[in-house]
C-alpha atoms as a PDB file:
ATOM      1  CA  MET A   1      95.637 112.455 109.293  1.00  0.00           C
ATOM      2  CA  ILE A   2      97.733 110.195 107.083  1.00  0.00           C
ATOM      3  CA  SER A   3      99.454 108.891 110.225  1.00  0.00           C
ATOM      4  CA  VAL A   4      96.131 107.380 111.338  1.00  0.00           C
ATOM      5  CA  TYR A   5      95.901 105.283 108.174  1.00  0.00           C
ATOM      6  CA  LEU A   6      99.516 104.187 108.449  1.00  0.00           C
ATOM      7  CA  PHE A   7      98.911 103.222 112.074  1.00  0.00           C
ATOM      8  CA  ALA A   8      95.863 101.201 110.942  1.00  0.00           C
ATOM      9  CA  VAL A   9      98.082  99.294 108.493  1.00  0.00           C
ATOM     10  CA  ILE A  10     100.702  98.558 111.195  1.00  0.00           C
ATOM     11  CA  PHE A  11      98.072  97.669 113.804  1.00  0.00           C
ATOM     12  CA  SER A  12      96.321  95.271 111.416  1.00  0.00           C
ATOM     13  CA  PHE A  13      99.650  93.741 110.375  1.00  0.00           C
ATOM     14  CA  ILE A  14     100.747  93.104 113.972  1.00  0.00           C
ATOM     15  CA  LEU A  15      97.337  91.692 114.957  1.00  0.00           C
ATOM     16  CA  ASN A  16      97.315  89.261 112.033  1.00  0.00           C
ATOM     17  CA  PHE A  17     100.967  88.343 112.548  1.00  0.00           C
ATOM     18  CA  LEU A  18     100.275  87.410 116.170  1.00  0.00           C
ATOM     19  CA  LEU A  19      97.203  85.367 115.281  1.00  0.00           C
ATOM     20  CA  ILE A  20      98.198  83.609 112.082  1.00  0.00           C
ATOM     21  CA  VAL A  21     100.522  80.898 113.469  1.00  0.00           C
ATOM     22  CA  PRO A  22      97.999  79.750 116.120  1.00  0.00           C
ATOM     23  CA  PHE A  23      95.357  79.966 113.392  1.00  0.00           C
ATOM     24  CA  ILE A  24      97.425  77.735 111.062  1.00  0.00           C
ATOM     25  CA  ASN A  25      97.828  75.225 113.886  1.00  0.00           C
ATOM     26  CA  PHE A  26      94.058  75.326 114.467  1.00  0.00           C
ATOM     27  CA  LEU A  27      93.397  74.658 110.762  1.00  0.00           C
ATOM     28  CA  TYR A  28      95.704  71.642 110.896  1.00  0.00           C
ATOM     29  CA  LYS A  29      93.903  70.403 114.003  1.00  0.00           C
ATOM     30  CA  ILE A  30      90.478  70.470 112.339  1.00  0.00           C
ATOM     31  CA  ASN A  31      91.969  69.186 109.050  1.00  0.00           C
ATOM     32  CA  PHE A  32      90.839  72.286 107.148  1.00  0.00           C
ATOM     33  CA  LYS A  33      93.365  71.891 104.369  1.00  0.00           C
ATOM     34  CA  ARG A  34      93.592  71.245 100.669  1.00  0.00           C
ATOM     35  CA  GLN A  35      92.347  67.776  99.886  1.00  0.00           C
ATOM     36  CA  GLU A  36      93.599  65.207  97.403  1.00  0.00           C
ATOM     37  CA  GLN A  37      91.262  65.339  94.442  1.00  0.00           C
ATOM     38  CA  THR A  38      91.302  64.673  90.717  1.00  0.00           C
ATOM     39  CA  TYR A  39      90.478  68.065  89.201  1.00  0.00           C
ATOM     40  CA  ARG A  40      88.226  68.284  86.169  1.00  0.00           C
ATOM     41  CA  ASP A  41      87.401  71.078  83.730  1.00  0.00           C
ATOM     42  CA  VAL A  42      83.987  72.424  82.699  1.00  0.00           C
ATOM     43  CA  LEU A  43      83.540  69.481  80.309  1.00  0.00           C
ATOM     44  CA  ASN A  44      84.218  67.059  83.204  1.00  0.00           C
ATOM     45  CA  LYS A  45      87.550  66.021  81.701  1.00  0.00           C
ATOM     46  CA  PRO A  46      90.675  65.467  83.847  1.00  0.00           C
ATOM     47  CA  THR A  47      93.230  68.309  83.970  1.00  0.00           C
ATOM     48  CA  PRO A  48      96.620  66.542  84.204  1.00  0.00           C
ATOM     49  CA  VAL A  49      98.660  69.730  83.709  1.00  0.00           C
ATOM     50  CA  PHE A  50      96.972  71.411  86.685  1.00  0.00           C
ATOM     51  CA  GLU A  51      97.452  68.318  88.840  1.00  0.00           C
ATOM     52  CA  ARG A  52     101.113  67.968  87.877  1.00  0.00           C
ATOM     53  CA  PHE A  53     101.981  71.472  89.082  1.00  0.00           C
ATOM     54  CA  ASN A  54      99.659  71.665  92.098  1.00  0.00           C
ATOM     55  CA  ARG A  55      99.614  68.195  93.659  1.00  0.00           C
ATOM     56  CA  HIS A  56     102.370  69.209  96.123  1.00  0.00           C
ATOM     57  CA  LYS A  57     100.031  71.833  97.621  1.00  0.00           C
ATOM     58  CA  GLN A  58      97.715  69.144  98.985  1.00  0.00           C
ATOM     59  CA  GLY A  59      97.658  69.219 102.770  1.00  0.00           C
ATOM     60  CA  THR A  60      98.229  72.994 103.020  1.00  0.00           C
ATOM     61  CA  PRO A  61      95.655  74.852 105.204  1.00  0.00           C
ATOM     62  CA  ILE A  62      93.247  76.918 103.089  1.00  0.00           C
ATOM     63  CA  GLY A  63      91.615  79.233 105.632  1.00  0.00           C
ATOM     64  CA  GLY A  64      93.866  82.297 105.414  1.00  0.00           C
ATOM     65  CA  GLY A  65      91.124  84.439 103.944  1.00  0.00           C
ATOM     66  CA  ILE A  66      88.849  83.723 106.904  1.00  0.00           C
ATOM     67  CA  LEU A  67      91.312  85.266 109.363  1.00  0.00           C
ATOM     68  CA  ILE A  68      91.748  88.387 107.218  1.00  0.00           C
ATOM     69  CA  LEU A  69      87.972  88.757 106.850  1.00  0.00           C
ATOM     70  CA  ILE A  70      87.536  88.752 110.628  1.00  0.00           C
ATOM     71  CA  THR A  71      90.499  90.940 111.572  1.00  0.00           C
ATOM     72  CA  THR A  72      89.916  93.506 108.817  1.00  0.00           C
ATOM     73  CA  THR A  73      86.295  93.951 109.875  1.00  0.00           C
ATOM     74  CA  LEU A  74      87.259  94.304 113.551  1.00  0.00           C
ATOM     75  CA  VAL A  75      90.139  96.732 112.922  1.00  0.00           C
ATOM     76  CA  PHE A  76      87.973  98.821 110.606  1.00  0.00           C
ATOM     77  CA  PHE A  77      85.201  99.149 113.207  1.00  0.00           C
ATOM     78  CA  LEU A  78      87.779  99.879 115.921  1.00  0.00           C
ATOM     79  CA  PHE A  79      89.226 102.833 114.005  1.00  0.00           C
ATOM     80  CA  ILE A  80      85.794 104.131 113.035  1.00  0.00           C
ATOM     81  CA  PHE A  81      84.942 104.024 116.758  1.00  0.00           C
ATOM     82  CA  PHE A  82      88.122 105.961 117.592  1.00  0.00           C
ATOM     83  CA  TYR A  83      87.115 108.632 115.085  1.00  0.00           C
ATOM     84  CA  TRP A  84      83.730 108.892 116.785  1.00  0.00           C
ATOM     85  CA  LEU A  85      85.261 108.830 120.281  1.00  0.00           C
ATOM     86  CA  LEU A  86      87.690 111.635 119.435  1.00  0.00           C
ATOM     87  CA  ARG A  87      84.892 113.586 117.729  1.00  0.00           C
ATOM     88  CA  GLN A  88      86.778 113.613 114.435  1.00  0.00           C
ATOM     89  CA  LYS A  89      84.683 114.310 111.358  1.00  0.00           C
ATOM     90  CA  ILE A  90      84.473 111.303 109.046  1.00  0.00           C
ATOM     91  CA  LEU A  91      84.693 112.798 105.585  1.00  0.00           C
ATOM     92  CA  THR A  92      82.982 111.066 102.685  1.00  0.00           C
ATOM     93  CA  ASN A  93      82.025 111.853  99.104  1.00  0.00           C
ATOM     94  CA  TYR A  94      78.663 110.120  99.338  1.00  0.00           C
ATOM     95  CA  PRO A  95      75.225 111.044 100.743  1.00  0.00           C
ATOM     96  CA  SER A  96      75.523 108.543 103.614  1.00  0.00           C
ATOM     97  CA  ILE A  97      78.551 107.294 105.549  1.00  0.00           C
ATOM     98  CA  ALA A  98      76.456 104.420 106.906  1.00  0.00           C
ATOM     99  CA  SER A  99      75.518 103.320 103.382  1.00  0.00           C
ATOM    100  CA  GLU A 100      79.129 103.411 102.210  1.00  0.00           C
ATOM    101  CA  ILE A 101      80.260 101.273 105.152  1.00  0.00           C
ATOM    102  CA  LYS A 102      77.279  98.923 104.728  1.00  0.00           C
ATOM    103  CA  ILE A 103      78.025  98.316 101.044  1.00  0.00           C
ATOM    104  CA  ILE A 104      81.721  97.605 101.604  1.00  0.00           C
ATOM    105  CA  LEU A 105      81.147  95.256 104.538  1.00  0.00           C
ATOM    106  CA  PHE A 106      78.150  93.511 102.962  1.00  0.00           C
ATOM    107  CA  THR A 107      80.309  92.724  99.920  1.00  0.00           C
ATOM    108  CA  PHE A 108      83.253  91.621 102.046  1.00  0.00           C
ATOM    109  CA  ILE A 109      81.227  89.350 104.330  1.00  0.00           C
ATOM    110  CA  SER A 110      78.607  87.960 101.915  1.00  0.00           C
ATOM    111  CA  PHE A 111      81.129  86.855  99.290  1.00  0.00           C
ATOM    112  CA  GLY A 112      83.331  85.558 102.100  1.00  0.00           C
ATOM    113  CA  LEU A 113      80.490  83.378 103.387  1.00  0.00           C
ATOM    114  CA  LEU A 114      79.826  82.064  99.875  1.00  0.00           C
ATOM    115  CA  GLY A 115      83.493  81.161  99.532  1.00  0.00           C
ATOM    116  CA  LEU A 116      83.505  79.568 102.989  1.00  0.00           C
ATOM    117  CA  ILE A 117      80.582  77.311 102.043  1.00  0.00           C
ATOM    118  CA  ASP A 118      82.525  76.287  98.936  1.00  0.00           C
ATOM    119  CA  ASP A 119      85.660  75.611 101.012  1.00  0.00           C
ATOM    120  CA  LEU A 120      83.721  73.566 103.573  1.00  0.00           C
ATOM    121  CA  ASN A 121      82.242  71.459 100.797  1.00  0.00           C
ATOM    122  CA  LYS A 122      85.681  70.846  99.278  1.00  0.00           C
ATOM    123  CA  VAL A 123      87.217  69.855 102.612  1.00  0.00           C
ATOM    124  CA  PHE A 124      84.508  67.942 104.437  1.00  0.00           C
ATOM    125  CA  PHE A 125      81.556  67.023 102.219  1.00  0.00           C
ATOM    126  CA  TRP A 126      82.720  66.347  98.669  1.00  0.00           C
ATOM    127  CA  LYS A 127      83.279  62.617  99.225  1.00  0.00           C
ATOM    128  CA  LYS A 128      79.652  62.232 100.354  1.00  0.00           C
ATOM    129  CA  THR A 129      78.127  64.420  97.656  1.00  0.00           C
ATOM    130  CA  GLY A 130      80.528  63.529  94.854  1.00  0.00           C
ATOM    131  CA  ILE A 131      80.863  67.228  94.034  1.00  0.00           C
ATOM    132  CA  PHE A 132      84.150  69.011  94.760  1.00  0.00           C
ATOM    133  CA  GLY A 133      82.860  72.375  95.993  1.00  0.00           C
ATOM    134  CA  LEU A 134      79.663  74.076  94.900  1.00  0.00           C
ATOM    135  CA  LYS A 135      78.486  73.481  91.350  1.00  0.00           C
ATOM    136  CA  MET A 136      79.756  76.205  89.054  1.00  0.00           C
ATOM    137  CA  SER A 137      76.226  77.171  87.990  1.00  0.00           C
ATOM    138  CA  HIS A 138      75.024  77.411  91.596  1.00  0.00           C
ATOM    139  CA  LYS A 139      78.027  79.471  92.671  1.00  0.00           C
ATOM    140  CA  PHE A 140      77.685  81.820  89.714  1.00  0.00           C
ATOM    141  CA  PHE A 141      73.953  82.321  90.376  1.00  0.00           C
ATOM    142  CA  ILE A 142      74.573  83.259  94.024  1.00  0.00           C
ATOM    143  CA  GLN A 143      77.380  85.623  92.970  1.00  0.00           C
ATOM    144  CA  LEU A 144      75.029  87.273  90.483  1.00  0.00           C
ATOM    145  CA  VAL A 145      72.288  87.750  93.077  1.00  0.00           C
ATOM    146  CA  LEU A 146      74.712  89.238  95.614  1.00  0.00           C
ATOM    147  CA  SER A 147      76.234  91.504  92.948  1.00  0.00           C
ATOM    148  CA  LEU A 148      72.831  92.799  91.868  1.00  0.00           C
ATOM    149  CA  ILE A 149      71.945  93.606  95.508  1.00  0.00           C
ATOM    150  CA  ILE A 150      75.240  95.445  95.985  1.00  0.00           C
ATOM    151  CA  SER A 151      74.869  97.289  92.683  1.00  0.00           C
ATOM    152  CA  TRP A 152      71.355  98.380  93.582  1.00  0.00           C
ATOM    153  CA  LEU A 153      72.606  99.750  96.921  1.00  0.00           C
ATOM    154  CA  ILE A 154      75.403 101.644  95.149  1.00  0.00           C
ATOM    155  CA  PHE A 155      72.908 103.055  92.652  1.00  0.00           C
ATOM    156  CA  SER A 156      70.042 103.876  95.028  1.00  0.00           C
ATOM    157  CA  GLU A 157      71.811 104.883  98.246  1.00  0.00           C
ATOM    158  CA  LEU A 158      75.081 106.381  96.994  1.00  0.00           C
ATOM    159  CA  LYS A 159      73.562 107.812  93.784  1.00  0.00           C
ATOM    160  CA  ILE A 160      76.373 106.459  91.618  1.00  0.00           C
ATOM    161  CA  GLN A 161      75.314 105.917  88.009  1.00  0.00           C
ATOM    162  CA  PHE A 162      77.995 107.636  85.966  1.00  0.00           C
ATOM    163  CA  LEU A 163      80.877 106.241  83.942  1.00  0.00           C
ATOM    164  CA  HIS A 164      83.959 108.382  83.455  1.00  0.00           C
ATOM    165  CA  VAL A 165      85.882 107.648  80.270  1.00  0.00           C
ATOM    166  CA  PRO A 166      89.331 109.334  80.229  1.00  0.00           C
ATOM    167  CA  PHE A 167      89.827 111.819  77.376  1.00  0.00           C
ATOM    168  CA  VAL A 168      86.153 111.423  76.408  1.00  0.00           C
ATOM    169  CA  GLY A 169      83.860 112.500  79.234  1.00  0.00           C
ATOM    170  CA  VAL A 170      81.234 111.334  81.706  1.00  0.00           C
ATOM    171  CA  PHE A 171      78.239 109.212  80.728  1.00  0.00           C
ATOM    172  CA  ASP A 172      75.015 108.728  82.705  1.00  0.00           C
ATOM    173  CA  LEU A 173      74.178 105.015  82.523  1.00  0.00           C
ATOM    174  CA  GLY A 174      70.948 105.285  84.498  1.00  0.00           C
ATOM    175  CA  TYR A 175      69.539 101.933  85.595  1.00  0.00           C
ATOM    176  CA  PHE A 176      71.934 100.168  83.220  1.00  0.00           C
ATOM    177  CA  TYR A 177      74.640 100.997  85.776  1.00  0.00           C
ATOM    178  CA  ILE A 178      73.237  98.246  88.035  1.00  0.00           C
ATOM    179  CA  LEU A 179      73.877  95.550  85.414  1.00  0.00           C
ATOM    180  CA  PHE A 180      77.249  97.047  84.534  1.00  0.00           C
ATOM    181  CA  SER A 181      78.306  97.150  88.181  1.00  0.00           C
ATOM    182  CA  ALA A 182      77.110  93.593  88.833  1.00  0.00           C
ATOM    183  CA  PHE A 183      79.158  92.343  85.870  1.00  0.00           C
ATOM    184  CA  ILE A 184      82.305  94.058  87.216  1.00  0.00           C
ATOM    185  CA  ILE A 185      81.831  92.576  90.702  1.00  0.00           C
ATOM    186  CA  VAL A 186      81.263  89.012  89.475  1.00  0.00           C
ATOM    187  CA  ALA A 187      84.177  89.290  87.031  1.00  0.00           C
ATOM    188  CA  PHE A 188      86.686  90.377  89.671  1.00  0.00           C
ATOM    189  CA  ALA A 189      85.425  87.926  92.302  1.00  0.00           C
ATOM    190  CA  ASN A 190      86.219  85.093  89.901  1.00  0.00           C
ATOM    191  CA  ALA A 191      89.377  86.757  88.586  1.00  0.00           C
ATOM    192  CA  VAL A 192      91.039  86.859  92.015  1.00  0.00           C
ATOM    193  CA  ASN A 193      89.851  83.308  92.702  1.00  0.00           C
ATOM    194  CA  ILE A 194      91.447  82.100  89.463  1.00  0.00           C
ATOM    195  CA  THR A 195      94.665  84.041  90.113  1.00  0.00           C
ATOM    196  CA  ASP A 196      95.020  82.448  93.552  1.00  0.00           C
ATOM    197  CA  GLY A 197      96.736  79.406  92.054  1.00  0.00           C
ATOM    198  CA  LEU A 198     100.374  80.100  92.893  1.00  0.00           C
ATOM    199  CA  ASP A 199     101.926  80.845  96.272  1.00  0.00           C
ATOM    200  CA  GLY A 200     101.819  84.591  96.909  1.00  0.00           C
ATOM    201  CA  LEU A 201     100.459  85.554  93.485  1.00  0.00           C
ATOM    202  CA  ALA A 202      96.966  86.856  94.253  1.00  0.00           C
ATOM    203  CA  ALA A 203      97.855  88.268  97.686  1.00  0.00           C
ATOM    204  CA  GLY A 204     100.899  90.142  96.364  1.00  0.00           C
ATOM    205  CA  ILE A 205      99.023  91.661  93.418  1.00  0.00           C
ATOM    206  CA  LEU A 206      96.200  92.672  95.765  1.00  0.00           C
ATOM    207  CA  CYS A 207      98.691  94.471  98.028  1.00  0.00           C
ATOM    208  CA  PHE A 208     100.088  96.541  95.143  1.00  0.00           C
ATOM    209  CA  SER A 209      96.630  97.201  93.722  1.00  0.00           C
ATOM    210  CA  LEU A 210      95.168  98.298  97.057  1.00  0.00           C
ATOM    211  CA  LEU A 211      98.052 100.724  97.521  1.00  0.00           C
ATOM    212  CA  GLY A 212      96.961 102.294  94.230  1.00  0.00           C
ATOM    213  CA  PHE A 213      93.343 102.496  95.372  1.00  0.00           C
ATOM    214  CA  TRP A 214      94.456 103.946  98.712  1.00  0.00           C
ATOM    215  CA  VAL A 215      96.229 106.795  96.882  1.00  0.00           C
ATOM    216  CA  ILE A 216      93.012 107.540  94.969  1.00  0.00           C
ATOM    217  CA  ALA A 217      90.843 107.322  98.106  1.00  0.00           C
ATOM    218  CA  ARG A 218      93.173 109.697  99.944  1.00  0.00           C
ATOM    219  CA  SER A 219      93.120 112.145  97.044  1.00  0.00           C
ATOM    220  CA  ILE A 220      89.342 112.506  97.343  1.00  0.00           C
ATOM    221  CA  LEU A 221      89.512 112.562 101.180  1.00  0.00           C
ATOM    222  CA  ASP A 222      87.211 109.593 101.670  1.00  0.00           C
ATOM    223  CA  VAL A 223      87.803 108.368 105.224  1.00  0.00           C
ATOM    224  CA  PRO A 224      85.744 105.115 105.381  1.00  0.00           C
ATOM    225  CA  THR A 225      87.215 103.664 102.184  1.00  0.00           C
ATOM    226  CA  SER A 226      90.737 104.786 103.109  1.00  0.00           C
ATOM    227  CA  LEU A 227      90.461 103.215 106.566  1.00  0.00           C
ATOM    228  CA  PHE A 228      89.058  99.979 105.204  1.00  0.00           C
ATOM    229  CA  ILE A 229      91.863  99.668 102.663  1.00  0.00           C
ATOM    230  CA  ALA A 230      94.426 100.340 105.408  1.00  0.00           C
ATOM    231  CA  ALA A 231      92.976  97.664 107.704  1.00  0.00           C
ATOM    232  CA  TRP A 232      92.726  95.198 104.815  1.00  0.00           C
ATOM    233  CA  LEU A 233      96.225  95.935 103.548  1.00  0.00           C
ATOM    234  CA  GLY A 234      97.852  95.259 106.919  1.00  0.00           C
ATOM    235  CA  GLY A 235      96.196  91.845 107.095  1.00  0.00           C
ATOM    236  CA  LEU A 236      97.186  90.988 103.528  1.00  0.00           C
ATOM    237  CA  ILE A 237     100.848  91.869 104.113  1.00  0.00           C
ATOM    238  CA  SER A 238     100.936  89.641 107.203  1.00  0.00           C
ATOM    239  CA  PHE A 239      99.219  86.825 105.310  1.00  0.00           C
ATOM    240  CA  LEU A 240     101.609  87.226 102.371  1.00  0.00           C
ATOM    241  CA  TYR A 241     104.581  86.608 104.696  1.00  0.00           C
ATOM    242  CA  PHE A 242     103.255  83.063 105.214  1.00  0.00           C
ATOM    243  CA  ASN A 243     101.759  82.647 101.737  1.00  0.00           C
ATOM    244  CA  ILE A 244     104.883  83.151  99.607  1.00  0.00           C
ATOM    245  CA  TRP A 245     106.571  80.043  98.219  1.00  0.00           C
ATOM    246  CA  PRO A 246     106.536  77.508  99.772  1.00  0.00           C
ATOM    247  CA  SER A 247     103.190  78.498 101.260  1.00  0.00           C
ATOM    248  CA  ARG A 248     102.284  77.619 104.837  1.00  0.00           C
ATOM    249  CA  ILE A 249      98.694  78.765 104.389  1.00  0.00           C
ATOM    250  CA  MET A 250      96.443  79.457 101.401  1.00  0.00           C
ATOM    251  CA  MET A 251      93.712  82.035 100.916  1.00  0.00           C
ATOM    252  CA  GLY A 252      90.876  79.672 100.017  1.00  0.00           C
ATOM    253  CA  ASP A 253      87.670  80.614  98.235  1.00  0.00           C
ATOM    254  CA  ALA A 254      86.444  82.486 101.323  1.00  0.00           C
ATOM    255  CA  GLY A 255      89.244  84.987 100.872  1.00  0.00           C
ATOM    256  CA  ALA A 256      89.529  84.992  97.088  1.00  0.00           C
ATOM    257  CA  LEU A 257      85.841  85.625  96.360  1.00  0.00           C
ATOM    258  CA  ALA A 258      85.496  88.228  99.124  1.00  0.00           C
ATOM    259  CA  PHE A 259      88.681  90.057  98.152  1.00  0.00           C
ATOM    260  CA  GLY A 260      87.902  90.086  94.436  1.00  0.00           C
ATOM    261  CA  ALA A 261      84.346  91.347  94.872  1.00  0.00           C
ATOM    262  CA  THR A 262      85.373  93.995  97.425  1.00  0.00           C
ATOM    263  CA  PHE A 263      88.265  95.097  95.220  1.00  0.00           C
ATOM    264  CA  ALA A 264      85.746  95.715  92.429  1.00  0.00           C
ATOM    265  CA  VAL A 265      83.317  97.543  94.722  1.00  0.00           C
ATOM    266  CA  ILE A 266      86.047  99.890  95.960  1.00  0.00           C
ATOM    267  CA  GLY A 267      86.926 100.652  92.345  1.00  0.00           C
ATOM    268  CA  LEU A 268      83.259 101.409  91.648  1.00  0.00           C
ATOM    269  CA  LEU A 269      82.931 103.611  94.749  1.00  0.00           C
ATOM    270  CA  LEU A 270      86.002 105.573  93.741  1.00  0.00           C
ATOM    271  CA  GLY A 271      84.482 106.096  90.285  1.00  0.00           C
ATOM    272  CA  LYS A 272      87.591 104.782  88.521  1.00  0.00           C
ATOM    273  CA  ILE A 273      86.354 101.896  86.385  1.00  0.00           C
ATOM    274  CA  PHE A 274      89.086 102.200  83.759  1.00  0.00           C
ATOM    275  CA  SER A 275      91.744 102.465  86.449  1.00  0.00           C
ATOM    276  CA  LEU A 276      90.225  99.394  88.130  1.00  0.00           C
ATOM    277  CA  ALA A 277      90.778  97.377  84.943  1.00  0.00           C
ATOM    278  CA  ILE A 278      94.368  98.639  84.623  1.00  0.00           C
ATOM    279  CA  ILE A 279      95.397  98.460  88.282  1.00  0.00           C
ATOM    280  CA  GLY A 280      93.919  94.957  88.461  1.00  0.00           C
ATOM    281  CA  GLY A 281      95.279  94.136  85.012  1.00  0.00           C
ATOM    282  CA  ILE A 282      96.805  90.784  85.969  1.00  0.00           C
ATOM    283  CA  PHE A 283      93.437  89.680  87.363  1.00  0.00           C
ATOM    284  CA  VAL A 284      91.787  90.743  84.100  1.00  0.00           C
ATOM    285  CA  ILE A 285      94.257  88.752  82.008  1.00  0.00           C
ATOM    286  CA  GLU A 286      93.878  85.685  84.233  1.00  0.00           C
ATOM    287  CA  VAL A 287      90.078  85.639  84.008  1.00  0.00           C
ATOM    288  CA  LEU A 288      90.064  86.414  80.268  1.00  0.00           C
ATOM    289  CA  THR A 289      92.412  83.543  79.434  1.00  0.00           C
ATOM    290  CA  SER A 290      90.242  81.214  81.521  1.00  0.00           C
ATOM    291  CA  LEU A 291      87.034  82.491  79.930  1.00  0.00           C
ATOM    292  CA  ILE A 292      88.403  82.108  76.394  1.00  0.00           C
ATOM    293  CA  GLN A 293      89.527  78.565  77.215  1.00  0.00           C
ATOM    294  CA  ILE A 294      86.110  77.665  78.671  1.00  0.00           C
ATOM    295  CA  LEU A 295      84.226  79.097  75.679  1.00  0.00           C
ATOM    296  CA  GLY A 296      86.550  77.278  73.307  1.00  0.00           C
ATOM    297  CA  LYS A 297      85.893  73.959  75.039  1.00  0.00           C
ATOM    298  CA  LYS A 298      82.139  74.484  75.294  1.00  0.00           C
ATOM    299  CA  ILE A 299      81.490  75.950  71.834  1.00  0.00           C
ATOM    300  CA  LEU A 300      84.316  74.704  69.627  1.00  0.00           C
ATOM    301  CA  ARG A 301      85.025  71.559  71.670  1.00  0.00           C
ATOM    302  CA  LYS A 302      88.743  72.293  71.540  1.00  0.00           C
ATOM    303  CA  LYS A 303      91.353  74.197  73.524  1.00  0.00           C
ATOM    304  CA  ILE A 304      92.288  77.719  72.464  1.00  0.00           C
ATOM    305  CA  PHE A 305      95.440  77.676  74.631  1.00  0.00           C
ATOM    306  CA  PRO A 306      97.548  74.642  75.602  1.00  0.00           C
ATOM    307  CA  VAL A 307      96.485  75.371  79.201  1.00  0.00           C
ATOM    308  CA  ALA A 308      94.859  78.286  81.029  1.00  0.00           C
ATOM    309  CA  PRO A 309      94.890  80.629  82.927  1.00  0.00           C
ATOM    310  CA  LEU A 310      98.059  82.642  82.331  1.00  0.00           C
ATOM    311  CA  HIS A 311     100.038  81.462  85.360  1.00  0.00           C
ATOM    312  CA  LEU A 312      99.366  77.800  84.542  1.00  0.00           C
ATOM    313  CA  TYR A 313     100.439  78.418  80.931  1.00  0.00           C
ATOM    314  CA  LEU A 314     103.735  79.869  82.182  1.00  0.00           C
ATOM    315  CA  GLN A 315     104.226  76.813  84.392  1.00  0.00           C
ATOM    316  CA  HIS A 316     103.508  74.630  81.374  1.00  0.00           C
ATOM    317  CA  LYS A 317     106.220  76.527  79.467  1.00  0.00           C
ATOM    318  CA  GLY A 318     108.738  75.569  82.143  1.00  0.00           C
ATOM    319  CA  TRP A 319     108.879  78.664  84.367  1.00  0.00           C
ATOM    320  CA  GLU A 320     109.431  78.020  88.060  1.00  0.00           C
ATOM    321  CA  GLU A 321     106.627  79.098  90.405  1.00  0.00           C
ATOM    322  CA  PRO A 322     108.592  81.834  92.272  1.00  0.00           C
ATOM    323  CA  LYS A 323     109.808  83.262  88.955  1.00  0.00           C
ATOM    324  CA  ILE A 324     106.248  83.541  87.635  1.00  0.00           C
ATOM    325  CA  VAL A 325     105.017  85.198  90.822  1.00  0.00           C
ATOM    326  CA  MET A 326     107.840  87.738  91.038  1.00  0.00           C
ATOM    327  CA  ARG A 327     107.591  88.752  87.393  1.00  0.00           C
ATOM    328  CA  LEU A 328     103.814  89.151  87.563  1.00  0.00           C
ATOM    329  CA  TRP A 329     104.301  91.227  90.718  1.00  0.00           C
ATOM    330  CA  LEU A 330     106.643  93.535  88.791  1.00  0.00           C
ATOM    331  CA  ILE A 331     104.171  93.845  85.925  1.00  0.00           C
ATOM    332  CA  SER A 332     101.447  94.592  88.479  1.00  0.00           C
ATOM    333  CA  ILE A 333     103.508  97.451  89.972  1.00  0.00           C
ATOM    334  CA  VAL A 334     103.867  99.007  86.522  1.00  0.00           C
ATOM    335  CA  LEU A 335     100.122  98.585  85.891  1.00  0.00           C
ATOM    336  CA  VAL A 336      99.316 100.269  89.226  1.00  0.00           C
ATOM    337  CA  ILE A 337     101.470 103.263  88.283  1.00  0.00           C
ATOM    338  CA  PHE A 338      99.844 103.460  84.857  1.00  0.00           C
ATOM    339  CA  GLY A 339      96.372 103.071  86.399  1.00  0.00           C
ATOM    340  CA  LEU A 340      97.046 105.919  88.817  1.00  0.00           C
ATOM    341  CA  MET A 341      98.118 108.122  85.916  1.00  0.00           C
ATOM    342  CA  ILE A 342      94.824 107.364  84.147  1.00  0.00           C
ATOM    343  CA  ALA A 343      92.853 107.919  87.359  1.00  0.00           C
ATOM    344  CA  PHE A 344      94.035 111.504  87.710  1.00  0.00           C
ATOM    345  CA  ILE A 345      93.271 112.464  84.108  1.00  0.00           C
ATOM    346  CA  LYS A 346      90.234 114.724  84.042  1.00  0.00           C
END
């Protein structure tokens, strides 16, 4: 049945490729694009380094994630329907296929809607409110609530509460798994959002990482997760064609938050937490460098790094944007291979 998944990738790619140019034109028409804005850090201080390297991106449409959210959901349901129509058994490793699908789509759509609200505020309402996007505290609180709901569904409906540590064994976390899972989801939602700062960076790393997860999902014969990854991957590849430097369309918070949270949830459903951290290693490094910088500014009132996150630091050091993206892609490929090796260790 591997041909079905490959067909889902191609079908999703073609669908997105046909829609994306008219969609870009539509975004220009409604002026849904990156606005000119003086960016500030968590201490409300200007960030001249960020502005210097990103000012040229102003005016680029930022709704690419919205298209992928819609097409991935539609393609996924279409192929699930074909399975049902052809009376093919939908294999899963969980007590309920419906619950597995519900958890994946709830994550995908709910975090996408949160990101869309943030994007709408940045584009249309920030001049009236004086706030560029949602307040960080408000956005984090909503992410936490959504993550706790998702984690509870994973724990209660799919009966997942174990943590596998390679070379050590399996540990039953009990109810603590809900907090652990929520932390992972919030961390990766923000990690992908932070990484989406250079043309093609986040989308390219997601493509490589999802290929790794697809190999794991296929190895355990989980049809819903495998199909969802296939539908998502096709859309991402099509988007990446237009997102590489110089970008014609950007992912936006709607895509970045949804993709990061769903990436984490798929890792949790596959039971490969350590592989999730390795396969998504670039995302981990990006969010850690940002977190360390934020804590340094808030607690020590000084910068730990000249600039953060990692990709901005490399720009600050004089690397060209395409060079940074390509080299981080190559590192990501190596991390995916290493993560897969860890995933198949008993």
